[in-house]
Amino acid sequence: MTRMTEHPHGHWCWMELSTTDADGAKAFYGELLGWDFFDTPAGPDMTYTFLRLDGDDVGALYAQPAAQREAGVPPHWLIYAAVDDVDAAVARIGELGGVAEGPYDVGEAGRCAMVTDPQGARFALWWAGEHCGAARLGEPGAWVWSELLTRDPEAAEAFYGGLFGWGCQASPSAPPGTYSEWKDGDESVGGLMELPAEWGGAVPPHWMLYLQVEDPDATAARAAELGGRVEVPPTDVPGVGRFTLLADPQGARFTAMRLDA
């Protein structure tokens, strides 16, 4: 377990679910992961719900506004990276070929921007004011990993290296040429994988959220009982752990993983 009061520049710091059924999502994730929920007003007819483990914030969810639904935006998880200066990061994103919405202030909590990288994968930036982001990482029910699936790994390396200063190296736990790790110095901050050609255009470039669980098999079985879908059954990653790809009842995908290393 890691308890956080601040997050380093370029490290993942928050996760946020946009859903078509906030009450249904609470019922699903509360039963599956043991989260508690704290609702707070977030503007006219909108509620922002903090996801909590033993009183500590680990993420949030909200009901999609009508404009998102009408535009056909599916329920999804969005992950946030901490930055020292959102405005400077947004300027750099434009130079690197990405697109940013914002930045804008979130009351006294902090300042953020929404980002689309040059291949279309979306994520967000967070500069912490009064709210640092997730208070817990790397324990059951909390964020444990983020993974970029993209059609152009070399272009992704240029973009994220230019934005965050990340390096990238082949993962020692994967077959050669199949998986790389984003590195901040010697620390791994995420994964990188090329989208398989056989998937065609069915799966767009995206960042995948991984949540830590104690037992992926039990988590997958319980997710199905609660109305979710098991899209990849529990699978071992030698030397790393065991994972399962799930979708909640509204369709938002995430990976549940037990890390052994």
Protein backbone atom coordinates (compact mmCIF):
# COMPACT_ATOMS: atom_id res chain seq x y z
CA MET A 1 0.00 0.00 0.00
CA THR A 2 1.13 3.52 -0.81
CA ARG A 3 -0.63 6.47 0.80
CA MET A 4 -0.15 9.70 -1.08
CA THR A 5 -0.19 13.36 -0.09
CA GLU A 6 1.33 14.44 -3.42
CA HIS A 7 2.12 12.89 -6.79
CA PRO A 8 5.31 13.36 -8.85
CA HIS A 9 5.16 15.08 -12.22
CA GLY A 10 4.16 12.60 -14.93
CA HIS A 11 2.78 9.97 -12.56
CA TRP A 12 -0.84 8.80 -12.59
CA CYS A 13 -2.80 10.40 -9.79
CA TRP A 14 -6.56 10.01 -10.35
CA MET A 15 -9.19 7.87 -12.07
CA GLU A 16 -12.67 8.99 -13.07
CA LEU A 17 -15.66 7.08 -14.43
CA SER A 18 -18.10 8.67 -16.84
CA THR A 19 -21.24 6.51 -16.77
CA THR A 20 -24.81 6.43 -18.02
CA ASP A 21 -26.07 5.14 -14.66
CA ALA A 22 -24.37 6.54 -11.58
CA ASP A 23 -26.52 4.59 -9.13
CA GLY A 24 -25.97 1.37 -11.05
CA ALA A 25 -22.22 1.98 -11.14
CA LYS A 26 -22.17 2.58 -7.38
CA ALA A 27 -24.00 -0.68 -6.77
CA PHE A 28 -21.60 -2.62 -9.01
CA TYR A 29 -18.30 -1.20 -7.80
CA GLY A 30 -19.35 -1.00 -4.18
CA GLU A 31 -20.05 -4.73 -4.15
CA LEU A 32 -17.07 -5.63 -6.32
CA LEU A 33 -14.34 -3.48 -4.79
CA GLY A 34 -15.67 -2.35 -1.44
CA TRP A 35 -15.81 1.33 -2.29
CA ASP A 36 -17.82 3.85 -0.33
CA PHE A 37 -19.24 6.93 -2.03
CA PHE A 38 -19.40 10.64 -1.22
CA ASP A 39 -21.62 12.83 -3.41
CA THR A 40 -20.88 16.50 -3.91
CA PRO A 41 -22.67 19.08 -6.12
CA ALA A 42 -20.74 19.92 -9.30
CA GLY A 43 -22.94 22.47 -11.03
CA PRO A 44 -26.56 22.56 -12.17
CA ASP A 45 -28.10 19.08 -12.11
CA MET A 46 -24.71 17.38 -11.75
CA THR A 47 -23.23 15.34 -8.92
CA TYR A 48 -19.58 14.36 -8.61
CA THR A 49 -19.11 11.23 -6.52
CA PHE A 50 -15.83 10.47 -4.78
CA LEU A 51 -14.84 6.81 -4.56
CA ARG A 52 -13.39 5.98 -1.16
CA LEU A 53 -11.52 3.22 0.63
CA ASP A 54 -11.80 3.57 4.41
CA GLY A 55 -12.49 7.27 3.98
CA ASP A 56 -9.62 7.96 1.55
CA ASP A 57 -10.34 9.20 -1.99
CA VAL A 58 -9.16 6.87 -4.75
CA GLY A 59 -11.16 8.23 -7.70
CA ALA A 60 -14.56 9.55 -8.76
CA LEU A 61 -17.58 8.95 -10.97
CA TYR A 62 -20.30 11.07 -12.52
CA ALA A 63 -23.35 10.65 -14.72
CA GLN A 64 -22.66 11.63 -18.31
CA PRO A 65 -24.25 14.93 -19.33
CA ALA A 66 -26.74 14.84 -22.18
CA ALA A 67 -24.25 16.29 -24.67
CA GLN A 68 -21.90 13.33 -24.19
CA ARG A 69 -24.70 10.81 -24.58
CA GLU A 70 -26.05 12.51 -27.69
CA ALA A 71 -22.54 12.50 -29.17
CA GLY A 72 -22.36 8.74 -28.62
CA VAL A 73 -19.57 8.85 -26.04
CA PRO A 74 -19.60 5.43 -24.34
CA PRO A 75 -19.18 4.96 -20.59
CA HIS A 76 -15.46 4.98 -19.87
CA TRP A 77 -12.69 5.39 -17.33
CA LEU A 78 -10.36 8.39 -17.65
CA ILE A 79 -6.99 8.56 -15.92
CA TYR A 80 -5.17 11.71 -14.82
CA ALA A 81 -1.43 12.40 -14.73
CA ALA A 82 0.03 14.87 -12.25
CA VAL A 83 1.92 17.84 -13.68
CA ASP A 84 3.86 20.68 -12.11
CA ASP A 85 2.37 23.27 -14.48
CA VAL A 86 -0.83 22.54 -16.45
CA ASP A 87 -0.55 25.62 -18.65
CA ALA A 88 3.00 24.80 -19.72
CA ALA A 89 1.98 21.17 -20.35
CA VAL A 90 -0.94 22.26 -22.54
CA ALA A 91 1.36 24.45 -24.62
CA ARG A 92 3.77 21.55 -25.01
CA ILE A 93 0.95 19.20 -26.07
CA GLY A 94 0.18 21.45 -29.03
CA GLU A 95 3.85 21.49 -30.03
CA LEU A 96 3.93 17.69 -29.90
CA GLY A 97 0.86 17.23 -32.10
CA GLY A 98 -1.74 16.47 -29.43
CA VAL A 99 -4.94 18.33 -28.59
CA ALA A 100 -5.84 19.77 -25.19
CA GLU A 101 -9.13 21.08 -23.81
CA GLY A 102 -8.46 23.63 -21.11
CA PRO A 103 -6.76 24.22 -18.81
CA TYR A 104 -9.42 25.24 -16.33
CA ASP A 105 -9.72 25.56 -12.59
CA VAL A 106 -11.71 23.13 -10.44
CA GLY A 107 -12.50 25.46 -7.58
CA GLU A 108 -9.69 25.38 -5.04
CA ALA A 109 -9.09 21.66 -5.64
CA GLY A 110 -6.71 22.14 -8.57
CA ARG A 111 -6.37 22.83 -12.27
CA CYS A 112 -6.85 20.34 -15.08
CA ALA A 113 -6.94 19.76 -18.83
CA MET A 114 -8.31 17.00 -21.06
CA VAL A 115 -5.84 15.62 -23.61
CA THR A 116 -6.00 13.60 -26.82
CA ASP A 117 -2.63 12.29 -27.99
CA PRO A 118 -1.73 12.28 -31.72
CA GLN A 119 -3.11 8.74 -32.16
CA GLY A 120 -6.40 9.51 -30.38
CA ALA A 121 -5.85 8.11 -26.87
CA ARG A 122 -7.40 10.31 -24.18
CA PHE A 123 -6.19 11.13 -20.69
CA ALA A 124 -6.16 14.16 -18.40
CA LEU A 125 -3.70 16.36 -16.51
CA TRP A 126 -3.98 17.49 -12.91
CA TRP A 127 -2.19 20.20 -10.99
CA ALA A 128 -3.03 19.79 -7.32
CA GLY A 129 -4.32 22.68 -5.27
CA GLU A 130 -6.18 21.52 -2.18
CA HIS A 131 -6.78 18.01 -3.57
CA CYS A 132 -3.70 15.94 -4.40
CA GLY A 133 -5.62 13.20 -6.22
CA ALA A 134 -5.78 9.60 -5.07
CA ALA A 135 -4.72 9.09 -1.47
CA ARG A 136 -4.12 5.37 -2.00
CA LEU A 137 -2.36 3.45 -4.74
CA GLY A 138 -1.27 -0.13 -5.20
CA GLU A 139 -3.69 -1.86 -2.85
CA PRO A 140 -6.95 -3.76 -3.43
CA GLY A 141 -9.57 -1.39 -4.79
CA ALA A 142 -7.06 1.25 -5.92
CA TRP A 143 -5.15 2.14 -9.08
CA VAL A 144 -2.17 -0.08 -9.76
CA TRP A 145 -1.20 0.32 -13.46
CA SER A 146 -1.99 2.20 -16.67
CA GLU A 147 -1.34 0.86 -20.15
CA LEU A 148 -1.37 2.60 -23.52
CA LEU A 149 -2.57 0.59 -26.50
CA THR A 150 -1.68 2.41 -29.72
CA ARG A 151 -1.10 1.85 -33.43
CA ASP A 152 2.20 3.74 -33.47
CA PRO A 153 4.45 3.01 -30.48
CA GLU A 154 7.35 5.06 -31.86
CA ALA A 155 5.16 8.15 -32.23
CA ALA A 156 3.77 7.54 -28.75
CA GLU A 157 7.29 7.41 -27.32
CA ALA A 158 8.05 10.78 -28.92
CA PHE A 159 4.85 12.37 -27.59
CA TYR A 160 4.95 11.12 -24.01
CA GLY A 161 8.71 11.47 -23.77
CA GLY A 162 8.38 15.07 -24.88
CA LEU A 163 5.49 15.77 -22.54
CA PHE A 164 6.53 13.98 -19.34
CA GLY A 165 10.17 13.15 -19.89
CA TRP A 166 9.43 9.43 -19.85
CA GLY A 167 11.77 6.88 -21.29
CA CYS A 168 10.60 3.56 -22.69
CA GLN A 169 12.20 0.12 -22.55
CA ALA A 170 11.23 -3.43 -23.38
CA SER A 171 9.57 -5.22 -20.49
CA PRO A 172 11.75 -8.04 -19.11
CA SER A 173 8.62 -10.08 -18.31
CA ALA A 174 7.23 -10.13 -21.87
CA PRO A 175 8.35 -11.81 -25.11
CA PRO A 176 10.73 -9.57 -27.13
CA GLY A 177 8.97 -6.86 -29.11
CA THR A 178 5.55 -7.31 -27.51
CA TYR A 179 5.43 -4.98 -24.51
CA SER A 180 7.33 -1.98 -23.20
CA GLU A 181 7.31 -0.03 -19.95
CA TRP A 182 7.21 3.72 -19.53
CA LYS A 183 10.00 4.79 -17.18
CA ASP A 184 10.52 7.85 -15.01
CA GLY A 185 14.16 7.29 -14.23
CA ASP A 186 14.28 3.75 -12.87
CA GLU A 187 10.59 3.71 -11.89
CA SER A 188 7.97 2.12 -14.13
CA VAL A 189 4.91 4.35 -14.57
CA GLY A 190 2.91 2.34 -17.10
CA GLY A 191 2.90 0.03 -20.08
CA LEU A 192 2.94 0.39 -23.87
CA MET A 193 1.61 -2.12 -26.37
CA GLU A 194 0.90 -1.94 -30.10
CA LEU A 195 -2.71 -2.70 -31.01
CA PRO A 196 -2.76 -6.03 -32.87
CA ALA A 197 -3.31 -5.63 -36.59
CA GLU A 198 -6.03 -8.29 -36.54
CA TRP A 199 -8.17 -6.02 -34.34
CA GLY A 200 -8.43 -3.63 -37.27
CA GLY A 201 -10.19 -0.41 -36.36
CA ALA A 202 -12.55 -2.04 -33.87
CA VAL A 203 -10.45 -0.95 -30.88
CA PRO A 204 -9.21 2.66 -30.91
CA PRO A 205 -6.00 3.76 -29.20
CA HIS A 206 -6.66 4.16 -25.50
CA TRP A 207 -5.27 4.13 -21.98
CA MET A 208 -6.38 1.10 -19.97
CA LEU A 209 -6.97 1.40 -16.22
CA TYR A 210 -5.78 -1.44 -13.98
CA LEU A 211 -7.24 -1.89 -10.49
CA GLN A 212 -5.56 -4.00 -7.85
CA VAL A 213 -7.52 -7.01 -6.54
CA GLU A 214 -6.58 -9.90 -4.30
CA ASP A 215 -8.19 -12.64 -6.42
CA PRO A 216 -8.85 -11.99 -10.13
CA ASP A 217 -10.81 -15.24 -10.48
CA ALA A 218 -13.21 -14.33 -7.68
CA THR A 219 -13.43 -10.75 -8.98
CA ALA A 220 -14.34 -11.92 -12.48
CA ALA A 221 -16.98 -14.30 -11.17
CA ARG A 222 -18.49 -11.63 -8.94
CA ALA A 223 -18.46 -9.05 -11.74
CA ALA A 224 -20.52 -11.41 -13.90
CA GLU A 225 -22.96 -12.02 -11.05
CA LEU A 226 -23.38 -8.24 -10.69
CA GLY A 227 -24.24 -7.76 -14.37
CA GLY A 228 -20.79 -7.00 -15.75
CA ARG A 229 -18.94 -8.85 -18.52
CA VAL A 230 -15.74 -10.88 -18.44
CA GLU A 231 -14.01 -9.92 -21.70
CA VAL A 232 -10.71 -11.68 -21.01
CA PRO A 233 -10.86 -14.50 -18.47
CA PRO A 234 -8.35 -14.60 -15.61
CA THR A 235 -4.92 -15.08 -17.15
CA ASP A 236 -1.43 -15.44 -15.70
CA VAL A 237 1.42 -13.12 -16.70
CA PRO A 238 4.55 -15.08 -15.73
CA GLY A 239 6.67 -13.19 -13.23
CA VAL A 240 4.09 -10.41 -12.89
CA GLY A 241 0.71 -11.65 -11.66
CA ARG A 242 -2.77 -12.50 -12.89
CA PHE A 243 -5.35 -10.29 -14.62
CA THR A 244 -8.83 -10.23 -16.10
CA LEU A 245 -10.39 -7.66 -18.45
CA LEU A 246 -13.89 -6.68 -17.32
CA ALA A 247 -16.70 -4.37 -18.36
CA ASP A 248 -19.16 -2.93 -15.86
CA PRO A 249 -22.93 -3.18 -16.51
CA GLN A 250 -22.87 0.13 -18.38
CA GLY A 251 -19.96 -0.96 -20.60
CA ALA A 252 -16.94 0.82 -19.11
CA ARG A 253 -13.89 -1.45 -19.35
CA PHE A 254 -11.12 -1.90 -16.81
CA THR A 255 -8.58 -4.54 -15.89
CA ALA A 256 -8.50 -6.20 -12.47
CA MET A 257 -5.06 -7.46 -11.53
CA ARG A 258 -3.18 -9.14 -8.74
CA LEU A 259 0.47 -8.16 -8.87
CA ASP A 260 2.87 -10.79 -7.60
CA ALA A 261 6.08 -8.89 -8.32
